[in-house]
Amino acid sequence: MPMKCNIDRRGQQYRALWGVANLIGAVVCVCMYFFSPWPATGWVITAVLLFLCGVLGLFEACFSWCALRAMKIKTPW
């Protein structure tokens, strides 16, 4: 099943913004893990999840495709 364009320019910008914000959050979590006086595996788990969400957001923005809308879930953007 091919991916069809299901979001407009505003939705692309929203997903790109959140994708970049998640990637920045992942970098911050990795820095907290290495430079914090109390390193914990929670920082690593959070960094991995933020990284995956960021990559998904950028993928959706690049291809004008939203996974939730593909599953018939309405989103505001």
Protein backbone atom coordinates (compact mmCIF):
# COMPACT_ATOMS: atom_id res chain seq x y z
CA MET A 1 0.00 0.00 0.00
CA PRO A 2 1.66 3.25 -1.09
CA MET A 3 1.80 6.24 1.24
CA LYS A 4 -0.48 9.03 0.07
CA CYS A 5 -0.05 12.68 0.98
CA ASN A 6 -2.51 13.25 3.82
CA ILE A 7 -1.29 16.47 5.49
CA ASP A 8 -0.88 20.02 4.24
CA ARG A 9 2.00 22.47 4.57
CA ARG A 10 0.93 23.50 8.07
CA GLY A 11 0.96 19.87 9.20
CA GLN A 12 4.40 19.38 7.66
CA GLN A 13 5.78 22.38 9.51
CA TYR A 14 4.25 21.22 12.79
CA ARG A 15 5.72 17.74 12.45
CA ALA A 16 9.12 19.07 11.43
CA LEU A 17 9.17 21.44 14.41
CA TRP A 18 8.27 18.66 16.85
CA GLY A 19 10.73 16.30 15.18
CA VAL A 20 13.60 18.75 15.68
CA ALA A 21 12.45 19.50 19.24
CA ASN A 22 12.48 15.77 20.06
CA LEU A 23 15.96 15.36 18.60
CA ILE A 24 17.22 18.29 20.68
CA GLY A 25 15.59 16.72 23.74
CA ALA A 26 17.39 13.46 22.97
CA VAL A 27 20.73 15.28 22.84
CA VAL A 28 19.97 16.98 26.15
CA CYS A 29 19.15 13.60 27.74
CA VAL A 30 22.40 12.09 26.47
CA CYS A 31 24.32 15.07 27.87
CA MET A 32 22.55 14.67 31.20
CA TYR A 33 23.54 11.02 31.26
CA PHE A 34 27.23 11.74 30.68
CA PHE A 35 27.65 15.00 32.59
CA SER A 36 25.17 14.62 35.44
CA PRO A 37 26.42 13.72 38.91
CA TRP A 38 23.72 11.04 39.05
CA PRO A 39 23.75 9.13 35.73
CA ALA A 40 20.84 6.75 35.39
CA THR A 41 19.53 4.47 32.66
CA GLY A 42 16.36 6.57 32.58
CA TRP A 43 18.26 9.24 30.65
CA VAL A 44 19.27 6.70 28.01
CA ILE A 45 15.78 5.25 27.66
CA THR A 46 14.28 8.72 27.36
CA ALA A 47 16.92 9.73 24.81
CA VAL A 48 16.19 6.69 22.65
CA LEU A 49 12.43 7.30 22.76
CA LEU A 50 12.84 11.00 21.94
CA PHE A 51 15.19 10.14 19.10
CA LEU A 52 12.73 7.65 17.60
CA CYS A 53 9.84 10.13 17.90
CA GLY A 54 11.99 12.84 16.33
CA VAL A 55 12.92 10.65 13.38
CA LEU A 56 9.27 9.69 12.88
CA GLY A 57 8.21 13.35 12.96
CA LEU A 58 10.82 14.33 10.38
CA PHE A 59 9.87 11.35 8.21
CA GLU A 60 6.23 12.42 8.31
CA ALA A 61 7.16 16.00 7.48
CA CYS A 62 9.37 15.01 4.54
CA PHE A 63 6.80 12.73 2.95
CA SER A 64 3.64 14.76 3.82
CA TRP A 65 2.26 11.69 5.50
CA CYS A 66 0.82 11.22 8.98
CA ALA A 67 0.69 7.75 10.54
CA LEU A 68 -2.32 8.63 12.70
CA ARG A 69 -4.29 9.98 9.76
CA ALA A 70 -3.42 6.86 7.79
CA MET A 71 -5.17 4.90 10.56
CA LYS A 72 -8.25 7.19 10.21
CA ILE A 73 -7.57 9.09 13.46
CA LYS A 74 -8.36 12.79 13.07
CA THR A 75 -5.61 15.25 14.02
CA PRO A 76 -5.95 19.04 14.16
CA TRP A 77 -3.02 19.62 11.76
